[in-house]
Amino acid sequence: MLPSSSSPRLSRRGLLAAGGGVALTALLAACGGSDDPAKPAAGGSAGPWSFTDDRQRKVDAPAAPTRVVAFTGVAAALVDFGLDSQLVGVFGETTRTDGSRDPQAGDLDVDRVTVLGNVWGEFNVEKYAALRPELLVTHMYDPDALWYVPDESRDKILQLAPSVAITTARTPMTRPIERYAELARSLGADLSATKVTEAKARFEAAAEQVRAAVKANPGIRVMASSGSPDLFYVSNPKVSTDLMYFAELGVEIVVPTKLESGDYFEALSWENAGKFPADLILLDNRSTALQPKDLAAKPTWAQLPAVRANQVTPWDAVPRFSYAGAAPLLESLATAIRSAKRLG
C-alpha cells in the first residue's frame, strides 16, 4: 500500500487525518422517533454474539450486531460475503464527483447507506452517532491504527460502538480475506451461498493463472508504484499484503531498499524514478494518485523502459479483501505478466 499524493513523506499512521470535535451528548439524547435510524435492521442471528479481532480484543453482544458501520472497502467485502441490511454507514471513498460509485465500493448499494466521509480525514461523528451503530469495522495496517478513523476524533468515535480491526499488512492477502469471511459469517452471512462459493472458485482459478503466467514467461520484474506531484513511491512486497501474496505465487516483485517509516515504500524524487529496473509497472489507480495522463509530463516517467514499452497496468493499492474483489486483480496480473517482455 502507498500513501495519497497529498501526504508524500508521512508514515501510514501519520497519515491518519484529524477529525473535528463534536458535542455528542445532546445529539444522542435527541435521536428518537419512529423514523429514527436506531430501528433494528434485519439479518442478525439470535443469541449471544462474539468476535475476536486482530488486536486480540473480543467484542461481545447479546445478539449479532445489525447496525454495522465500516470503511467503504470493508463494507464492500462484507457485501461480497453476503451481508446487506446490516450495513448502515460507511466512511472512505464511496462516490466520485460525478456521483458514480467509487471502485472501492464494489457492489455496495451506496444509495442505501449513510456516507460519513468520502475522502481521507472525513468522518462525520454527528452522523455516526445518529446511526446508533452497534459495530464499527475497518482495516488495521499498523498496530491499533484504525484505517480512515481520524486520530483526533477517534476517542469520540470509539465511545459510540465496539470496533473490530482486521490486519491488512505484513500478511498474505488470503489472511484478511479469510478473516472478513469469518466476520461476515458471524454477522449472519451464508458462506455456502452460490455467490460466495463461485467467487472463491474464481479466486483460486485466478491464482493458478498467475502461477502459470510466471512459469510461461519467467523473469518478469514487477514494480508496484504510485505517483505524486513531487515523489515516486515504490511499494514493499514484504509489507503490502497483496504484493506479498503475488510473490507467494511466484511473481518477481521489486523490493525497495531505502524504506520510509513503517517500511511500506521507498519515496524517490522524480529524478531518481529509474532507480529500480522493472519490466512491468503496477500503477496505483486511486483517485488520490497521479494517473498515466497526469504522469506524461514527467520526463523521467516517460523514460522508464516499462512505460516506453507500454507495460503499465492499473493496481488497486487498497484491494477489496474478498474473493470476489481479489479475483479480478489476479486475473489482470496474470494477463499483464503473460504479455510482458523482458526489457534488459
Foldseek 3Di string as FASTA:
>chain_A
DADFLVDHFDDPLVLQAADDDDDCPVLLVPQDDPPFLVPFWDFKDAAKFWDQAPLRDIDIDRIQQQAEEEAQLLVQQLVLLPDANSYAEHEEAAADPVGHGDVSNHPHPSVRHHYQYRHRRGGNLSVVSSNQGAEYEAEDLDNPRGPSQHPNCNVVNCVRYPYHYYYQKQAALLVSQVVSSVSSVSRRGDCPDPSNVVLLVLLVVLLVLLLVLCVVQPDAEEWEWFAHPFWIKTFALSIGRHSVNSVVSPHHYDHDDDARPPRGIDIHGLVCPQVDQGQAYAYEPDPSTDDPVRCVPRVSVCPRQNNVVVRYHYDPSDFNSHSNGCSVVSNRNSVSSNPIDDDD
